[in-house]
Amino acid sequence: MMQSGDYLTPHTAEGDGRLTKPPFTYWMSLVGMEIFGISVVGSRFFWLVGGAAILLATFQFTRILTRNDQTALLAAALLATNAVFLRASFNAILPLTLFMLLGFIGFTGLLFKDDRQQTYGLLAYGGTGFAVLTKGLLPLAMVGYVVAYAIAVPSVRSRAQRLWKPIIVLPSIVIFGAWFAYQSFAASSELASDFVWRPAFGKGSDQHRHLL
């Protein structure tokens, strides 16, 4: 991306388009490299920032659920000392985890909190949108789960209409769907073969390190 100046379409070192996933994770490394240079620090700096954000979001999410600061602090501390989490702080799965967590916090707030509904709506659909731009369409399953839960559980059913925030949902579809719309015109065959129909173990993962 840095060599070609094409920030919308990831390419392999050989110059082939690689649309196995949307570009947000590549952008995270790219911004870090632009600031700190092409190095391990540059490529992973914003992963560490994302890890810290996950800890803060975990604290806030637990506080929403329990209304207890001590329990929330314990949850964040347990996560901070978890070896898998520490390893993931340098891994591409981290931004997906962050955005899914933010989205789930938003949906939880929409259903169970009575204040700041617009803020929770932005978290719900903004977080989901960034998750889609990070990994693809799979995060939309979370939206389906939340809607199904809100409709199926009698004690929550009366609040299900809170999930519909057209002033947030519709712009989110446009903004976060723009990359997919662009690629459907610019590289429709690659998008179909790499992103839509790619097998679970498609192109070699060793190509990933050359994308930036």
C-alpha atoms as a PDB file:
ATOM      1  CA  MET A   1       0.000   0.000   0.000  1.00  0.00           C
ATOM      2  CA  MET A   2       2.764   2.450   0.899  1.00  0.00           C
ATOM      3  CA  GLN A   3       4.651   1.723  -2.309  1.00  0.00           C
ATOM      4  CA  SER A   4       1.685   1.847  -4.661  1.00  0.00           C
ATOM      5  CA  GLY A   5      -0.342   4.574  -2.979  1.00  0.00           C
ATOM      6  CA  ASP A   6      -3.452   2.421  -3.408  1.00  0.00           C
ATOM      7  CA  TYR A   7      -4.958   2.367   0.071  1.00  0.00           C
ATOM      8  CA  LEU A   8      -8.244   0.752  -0.927  1.00  0.00           C
ATOM      9  CA  THR A   9      -7.038  -2.470  -2.519  1.00  0.00           C
ATOM     10  CA  PRO A  10      -4.502  -4.641  -0.680  1.00  0.00           C
ATOM     11  CA  HIS A  11      -1.909  -6.300  -2.921  1.00  0.00           C
ATOM     12  CA  THR A  12       0.622  -9.063  -2.448  1.00  0.00           C
ATOM     13  CA  ALA A  13       4.339  -8.513  -3.002  1.00  0.00           C
ATOM     14  CA  GLU A  14       3.830  -9.800  -6.550  1.00  0.00           C
ATOM     15  CA  GLY A  15       1.274  -7.086  -7.252  1.00  0.00           C
ATOM     16  CA  ASP A  16      -1.797  -9.327  -7.215  1.00  0.00           C
ATOM     17  CA  GLY A  17      -4.946  -8.006  -5.578  1.00  0.00           C
ATOM     18  CA  ARG A  18      -5.773  -9.714  -2.286  1.00  0.00           C
ATOM     19  CA  LEU A  19      -9.327  -9.159  -1.120  1.00  0.00           C
ATOM     20  CA  THR A  20      -9.604 -11.995   1.357  1.00  0.00           C
ATOM     21  CA  LYS A  21     -10.642  -9.430   3.961  1.00  0.00           C
ATOM     22  CA  PRO A  22     -11.399  -5.708   4.112  1.00  0.00           C
ATOM     23  CA  PRO A  23      -8.498  -3.292   4.607  1.00  0.00           C
ATOM     24  CA  PHE A  24      -8.931  -1.845   8.098  1.00  0.00           C
ATOM     25  CA  THR A  25      -6.268  -3.993   9.774  1.00  0.00           C
ATOM     26  CA  TYR A  26      -3.833  -3.023   7.031  1.00  0.00           C
ATOM     27  CA  TRP A  27      -4.672   0.628   7.580  1.00  0.00           C
ATOM     28  CA  MET A  28      -3.837   0.298  11.274  1.00  0.00           C
ATOM     29  CA  SER A  29      -0.333  -0.922  10.476  1.00  0.00           C
ATOM     30  CA  LEU A  30       0.045   1.582   7.663  1.00  0.00           C
ATOM     31  CA  VAL A  31      -0.703   4.578   9.905  1.00  0.00           C
ATOM     32  CA  GLY A  32       1.714   3.267  12.521  1.00  0.00           C
ATOM     33  CA  MET A  33       4.442   2.849   9.905  1.00  0.00           C
ATOM     34  CA  GLU A  34       3.827   6.333   8.538  1.00  0.00           C
ATOM     35  CA  ILE A  35       4.355   7.721  12.045  1.00  0.00           C
ATOM     36  CA  PHE A  36       7.095   5.457  13.442  1.00  0.00           C
ATOM     37  CA  GLY A  37       8.659   4.076  10.283  1.00  0.00           C
ATOM     38  CA  ILE A  38       8.648   0.590   8.799  1.00  0.00           C
ATOM     39  CA  SER A  39       9.400  -1.428  11.905  1.00  0.00           C
ATOM     40  CA  VAL A  40       7.842  -3.774  14.422  1.00  0.00           C
ATOM     41  CA  VAL A  41       6.908  -0.771  16.566  1.00  0.00           C
ATOM     42  CA  GLY A  42       5.261   0.965  13.636  1.00  0.00           C
ATOM     43  CA  SER A  43       3.368  -2.086  12.446  1.00  0.00           C
ATOM     44  CA  ARG A  44       2.001  -2.995  15.874  1.00  0.00           C
ATOM     45  CA  PHE A  45       1.721   0.294  17.751  1.00  0.00           C
ATOM     46  CA  PHE A  46      -1.998   0.696  17.212  1.00  0.00           C
ATOM     47  CA  TRP A  47      -2.571  -2.926  18.173  1.00  0.00           C
ATOM     48  CA  LEU A  48      -1.265  -2.013  21.629  1.00  0.00           C
ATOM     49  CA  VAL A  49      -3.544   1.032  21.674  1.00  0.00           C
ATOM     50  CA  GLY A  50      -6.427  -1.264  20.721  1.00  0.00           C
ATOM     51  CA  GLY A  51      -5.519  -3.630  23.545  1.00  0.00           C
ATOM     52  CA  ALA A  52      -5.674  -0.779  26.049  1.00  0.00           C
ATOM     53  CA  ALA A  53      -9.032   0.264  24.583  1.00  0.00           C
ATOM     54  CA  ILE A  54     -10.343  -3.276  25.063  1.00  0.00           C
ATOM     55  CA  LEU A  55      -9.406  -3.144  28.748  1.00  0.00           C
ATOM     56  CA  LEU A  56     -11.252   0.152  29.178  1.00  0.00           C
ATOM     57  CA  ALA A  57     -14.245  -1.176  27.253  1.00  0.00           C
ATOM     58  CA  THR A  58     -14.265  -4.330  29.379  1.00  0.00           C
ATOM     59  CA  PHE A  59     -14.345  -2.213  32.513  1.00  0.00           C
ATOM     60  CA  GLN A  60     -17.231  -0.136  31.156  1.00  0.00           C
ATOM     61  CA  PHE A  61     -19.181  -3.162  29.893  1.00  0.00           C
ATOM     62  CA  THR A  62     -18.897  -4.935  33.244  1.00  0.00           C
ATOM     63  CA  ARG A  63     -19.996  -1.766  34.998  1.00  0.00           C
ATOM     64  CA  ILE A  64     -23.100  -1.594  32.814  1.00  0.00           C
ATOM     65  CA  LEU A  65     -23.935  -5.207  33.634  1.00  0.00           C
ATOM     66  CA  THR A  66     -23.136  -5.217  37.366  1.00  0.00           C
ATOM     67  CA  ARG A  67     -23.270  -1.535  38.380  1.00  0.00           C
ATOM     68  CA  ASN A  68     -20.236  -2.244  40.529  1.00  0.00           C
ATOM     69  CA  ASP A  69     -16.880  -0.541  39.977  1.00  0.00           C
ATOM     70  CA  GLN A  70     -14.924  -3.152  41.925  1.00  0.00           C
ATOM     71  CA  THR A  71     -16.326  -5.998  39.837  1.00  0.00           C
ATOM     72  CA  ALA A  72     -15.590  -4.027  36.672  1.00  0.00           C
ATOM     73  CA  LEU A  73     -11.998  -3.401  37.784  1.00  0.00           C
ATOM     74  CA  LEU A  74     -11.568  -7.092  38.581  1.00  0.00           C
ATOM     75  CA  ALA A  75     -12.829  -8.058  35.121  1.00  0.00           C
ATOM     76  CA  ALA A  76     -10.375  -5.691  33.444  1.00  0.00           C
ATOM     77  CA  ALA A  77      -7.522  -6.918  35.662  1.00  0.00           C
ATOM     78  CA  LEU A  78      -8.264 -10.572  34.866  1.00  0.00           C
ATOM     79  CA  LEU A  79      -8.239  -9.783  31.160  1.00  0.00           C
ATOM     80  CA  ALA A  80      -5.036  -7.746  31.402  1.00  0.00           C
ATOM     81  CA  THR A  81      -3.198 -10.723  32.932  1.00  0.00           C
ATOM     82  CA  ASN A  82      -4.591 -13.281  30.475  1.00  0.00           C
ATOM     83  CA  ALA A  83      -1.847 -14.777  28.310  1.00  0.00           C
ATOM     84  CA  VAL A  84      -4.117 -15.241  25.311  1.00  0.00           C
ATOM     85  CA  PHE A  85      -5.172 -11.590  25.432  1.00  0.00           C
ATOM     86  CA  LEU A  86      -1.576 -10.397  25.735  1.00  0.00           C
ATOM     87  CA  ARG A  87      -0.626 -12.512  22.727  1.00  0.00           C
ATOM     88  CA  ALA A  88      -3.613 -11.202  20.765  1.00  0.00           C
ATOM     89  CA  SER A  89      -2.461  -7.633  21.380  1.00  0.00           C
ATOM     90  CA  PHE A  90       0.054  -8.222  18.590  1.00  0.00           C
ATOM     91  CA  ASN A  91      -2.325 -10.199  16.398  1.00  0.00           C
ATOM     92  CA  ALA A  92      -4.714  -9.121  13.643  1.00  0.00           C
ATOM     93  CA  ILE A  93      -7.706 -10.520  15.570  1.00  0.00           C
ATOM     94  CA  LEU A  94      -7.435  -7.684  18.098  1.00  0.00           C
ATOM     95  CA  PRO A  95      -9.201  -4.911  16.131  1.00  0.00           C
ATOM     96  CA  LEU A  96     -12.081  -7.279  15.378  1.00  0.00           C
ATOM     97  CA  THR A  97     -12.368  -8.074  19.100  1.00  0.00           C
ATOM     98  CA  LEU A  98     -12.327  -4.385  19.997  1.00  0.00           C
ATOM     99  CA  PHE A  99     -15.038  -3.395  17.545  1.00  0.00           C
ATOM    100  CA  MET A 100     -17.244  -6.377  18.361  1.00  0.00           C
ATOM    101  CA  LEU A 101     -16.966  -5.497  22.058  1.00  0.00           C
ATOM    102  CA  LEU A 102     -17.844  -1.855  21.404  1.00  0.00           C
ATOM    103  CA  GLY A 103     -20.800  -2.955  19.304  1.00  0.00           C
ATOM    104  CA  PHE A 104     -22.022  -5.306  22.011  1.00  0.00           C
ATOM    105  CA  ILE A 105     -21.696  -2.566  24.630  1.00  0.00           C
ATOM    106  CA  GLY A 106     -23.844  -0.389  22.412  1.00  0.00           C
ATOM    107  CA  PHE A 107     -26.553  -3.021  21.960  1.00  0.00           C
ATOM    108  CA  THR A 108     -26.529  -3.742  25.696  1.00  0.00           C
ATOM    109  CA  GLY A 109     -26.986  -0.053  26.441  1.00  0.00           C
ATOM    110  CA  LEU A 110     -29.825   0.261  23.935  1.00  0.00           C
ATOM    111  CA  LEU A 111     -31.715  -2.604  25.547  1.00  0.00           C
ATOM    112  CA  PHE A 112     -30.965  -2.120  29.230  1.00  0.00           C
ATOM    113  CA  LYS A 113     -30.136   1.553  29.800  1.00  0.00           C
ATOM    114  CA  ASP A 114     -32.577   4.441  29.615  1.00  0.00           C
ATOM    115  CA  ASP A 115     -30.128   7.277  29.023  1.00  0.00           C
ATOM    116  CA  ARG A 116     -27.639   8.129  26.252  1.00  0.00           C
ATOM    117  CA  GLN A 117     -29.523   6.114  23.666  1.00  0.00           C
ATOM    118  CA  GLN A 118     -27.922   7.969  20.752  1.00  0.00           C
ATOM    119  CA  THR A 119     -24.448   7.270  22.131  1.00  0.00           C
ATOM    120  CA  TYR A 120     -25.212   3.593  22.562  1.00  0.00           C
ATOM    121  CA  GLY A 121     -26.666   3.526  19.057  1.00  0.00           C
ATOM    122  CA  LEU A 122     -23.434   4.941  17.647  1.00  0.00           C
ATOM    123  CA  LEU A 123     -21.432   2.345  19.567  1.00  0.00           C
ATOM    124  CA  ALA A 124     -23.724  -0.485  18.452  1.00  0.00           C
ATOM    125  CA  TYR A 125     -23.748   0.223  14.743  1.00  0.00           C
ATOM    126  CA  GLY A 126     -20.430   2.029  14.503  1.00  0.00           C
ATOM    127  CA  GLY A 127     -18.655  -0.830  16.287  1.00  0.00           C
ATOM    128  CA  THR A 128     -20.377  -3.398  14.083  1.00  0.00           C
ATOM    129  CA  GLY A 129     -19.533  -1.393  10.979  1.00  0.00           C
ATOM    130  CA  PHE A 130     -15.843  -1.192  11.840  1.00  0.00           C
ATOM    131  CA  ALA A 131     -15.875  -4.922  12.627  1.00  0.00           C
ATOM    132  CA  VAL A 132     -17.289  -5.584   9.150  1.00  0.00           C
ATOM    133  CA  LEU A 133     -14.618  -3.350   7.631  1.00  0.00           C
ATOM    134  CA  THR A 134     -12.037  -5.346   9.596  1.00  0.00           C
ATOM    135  CA  LYS A 135     -13.069  -8.929   8.924  1.00  0.00           C
ATOM    136  CA  GLY A 136     -16.032  -9.076   6.562  1.00  0.00           C
ATOM    137  CA  LEU A 137     -19.717  -9.853   6.928  1.00  0.00           C
ATOM    138  CA  LEU A 138     -19.501 -12.311   9.837  1.00  0.00           C
ATOM    139  CA  PRO A 139     -19.945  -9.598  12.540  1.00  0.00           C
ATOM    140  CA  LEU A 140     -23.455  -9.022  11.185  1.00  0.00           C
ATOM    141  CA  ALA A 141     -24.352 -12.292  12.911  1.00  0.00           C
ATOM    142  CA  MET A 142     -24.082 -10.368  16.202  1.00  0.00           C
ATOM    143  CA  VAL A 143     -26.795  -7.978  15.032  1.00  0.00           C
ATOM    144  CA  GLY A 144     -28.994 -10.933  14.108  1.00  0.00           C
ATOM    145  CA  TYR A 145     -28.390 -12.517  17.512  1.00  0.00           C
ATOM    146  CA  VAL A 146     -29.260  -9.316  19.382  1.00  0.00           C
ATOM    147  CA  VAL A 147     -32.455  -8.794  17.380  1.00  0.00           C
ATOM    148  CA  ALA A 148     -33.497 -12.435  17.866  1.00  0.00           C
ATOM    149  CA  TYR A 149     -32.777 -12.189  21.601  1.00  0.00           C
ATOM    150  CA  ALA A 150     -34.762  -8.961  21.969  1.00  0.00           C
ATOM    151  CA  ILE A 151     -37.760 -10.478  20.188  1.00  0.00           C
ATOM    152  CA  ALA A 152     -37.616 -13.912  21.830  1.00  0.00           C
ATOM    153  CA  VAL A 153     -37.182 -12.881  25.491  1.00  0.00           C
ATOM    154  CA  PRO A 154     -40.487 -11.599  26.902  1.00  0.00           C
ATOM    155  CA  SER A 155     -38.877  -9.312  29.488  1.00  0.00           C
ATOM    156  CA  VAL A 156     -36.896  -7.511  26.760  1.00  0.00           C
ATOM    157  CA  ARG A 157     -39.435  -7.593  23.934  1.00  0.00           C
ATOM    158  CA  SER A 158     -40.975  -4.236  24.851  1.00  0.00           C
ATOM    159  CA  ARG A 159     -37.566  -2.610  24.340  1.00  0.00           C
ATOM    160  CA  ALA A 160     -36.795  -4.235  20.997  1.00  0.00           C
ATOM    161  CA  GLN A 161     -37.851  -1.115  19.089  1.00  0.00           C
ATOM    162  CA  ARG A 162     -34.920   0.726  20.672  1.00  0.00           C
ATOM    163  CA  LEU A 163     -32.611  -1.208  18.346  1.00  0.00           C
ATOM    164  CA  TRP A 164     -34.021   0.566  15.304  1.00  0.00           C
ATOM    165  CA  LYS A 165     -32.105   3.822  14.951  1.00  0.00           C
ATOM    166  CA  PRO A 166     -32.562   4.821  11.293  1.00  0.00           C
ATOM    167  CA  ILE A 167     -30.616   8.063  11.693  1.00  0.00           C
ATOM    168  CA  ILE A 168     -27.603   5.910  12.663  1.00  0.00           C
ATOM    169  CA  VAL A 169     -28.258   2.621  10.860  1.00  0.00           C
ATOM    170  CA  LEU A 170     -28.745   4.019   7.358  1.00  0.00           C
ATOM    171  CA  PRO A 171     -25.602   6.226   7.296  1.00  0.00           C
ATOM    172  CA  SER A 172     -23.638   3.301   8.778  1.00  0.00           C
ATOM    173  CA  ILE A 173     -24.706   1.054   5.906  1.00  0.00           C
ATOM    174  CA  VAL A 174     -23.576   3.685   3.402  1.00  0.00           C
ATOM    175  CA  ILE A 175     -20.269   4.481   5.116  1.00  0.00           C
ATOM    176  CA  PHE A 176     -19.170   0.965   5.968  1.00  0.00           C
ATOM    177  CA  GLY A 177     -20.541  -0.526   2.774  1.00  0.00           C
ATOM    178  CA  ALA A 178     -18.659   1.941   0.568  1.00  0.00           C
ATOM    179  CA  TRP A 179     -15.527  -0.222   0.359  1.00  0.00           C
ATOM    180  CA  PHE A 180     -17.529  -3.267  -0.725  1.00  0.00           C
ATOM    181  CA  ALA A 181     -19.426  -1.190  -3.284  1.00  0.00           C
ATOM    182  CA  TYR A 182     -16.162   0.221  -4.642  1.00  0.00           C
ATOM    183  CA  GLN A 183     -14.544  -3.202  -4.961  1.00  0.00           C
ATOM    184  CA  SER A 184     -17.652  -4.670  -6.584  1.00  0.00           C
ATOM    185  CA  PHE A 185     -17.039  -2.246  -9.464  1.00  0.00           C
ATOM    186  CA  ALA A 186     -13.247  -2.001  -9.414  1.00  0.00           C
ATOM    187  CA  ALA A 187     -12.376  -5.664  -8.820  1.00  0.00           C
ATOM    188  CA  SER A 188     -15.574  -7.687  -8.942  1.00  0.00           C
ATOM    189  CA  SER A 189     -13.922 -10.994  -9.930  1.00  0.00           C
ATOM    190  CA  GLU A 190     -11.267 -10.755  -7.212  1.00  0.00           C
ATOM    191  CA  LEU A 191     -13.891  -9.810  -4.634  1.00  0.00           C
ATOM    192  CA  ALA A 192     -15.982 -12.823  -5.610  1.00  0.00           C
ATOM    193  CA  SER A 193     -13.092 -15.302  -5.620  1.00  0.00           C
ATOM    194  CA  ASP A 194     -11.108 -14.024  -2.634  1.00  0.00           C
ATOM    195  CA  PHE A 195     -13.741 -12.608  -0.310  1.00  0.00           C
ATOM    196  CA  VAL A 196     -17.015 -14.341  -1.134  1.00  0.00           C
ATOM    197  CA  TRP A 197     -15.970 -17.788  -2.315  1.00  0.00           C
ATOM    198  CA  ARG A 198     -12.510 -18.147  -0.774  1.00  0.00           C
ATOM    199  CA  PRO A 199     -12.112 -21.454   1.113  1.00  0.00           C
ATOM    200  CA  ALA A 200     -11.366 -21.313   4.825  1.00  0.00           C
ATOM    201  CA  PHE A 201      -7.687 -21.958   4.074  1.00  0.00           C
ATOM    202  CA  GLY A 202      -7.144 -19.984   0.891  1.00  0.00           C
ATOM    203  CA  LYS A 203      -4.097 -18.043  -0.101  1.00  0.00           C
ATOM    204  CA  GLY A 204      -1.026 -18.578   2.022  1.00  0.00           C
ATOM    205  CA  SER A 205      -0.830 -16.512   5.170  1.00  0.00           C
ATOM    206  CA  ASP A 206       2.815 -15.772   4.397  1.00  0.00           C
ATOM    207  CA  GLN A 207       1.570 -13.202   1.906  1.00  0.00           C
ATOM    208  CA  HIS A 208       0.059 -11.099   4.681  1.00  0.00           C
ATOM    209  CA  ARG A 209       3.387  -9.703   5.790  1.00  0.00           C
ATOM    210  CA  HIS A 210       4.036  -8.272   2.306  1.00  0.00           C
ATOM    211  CA  LEU A 211       0.811  -6.295   1.980  1.00  0.00           C
ATOM    212  CA  LEU A 212       2.115  -3.110   3.496  1.00  0.00           C
END
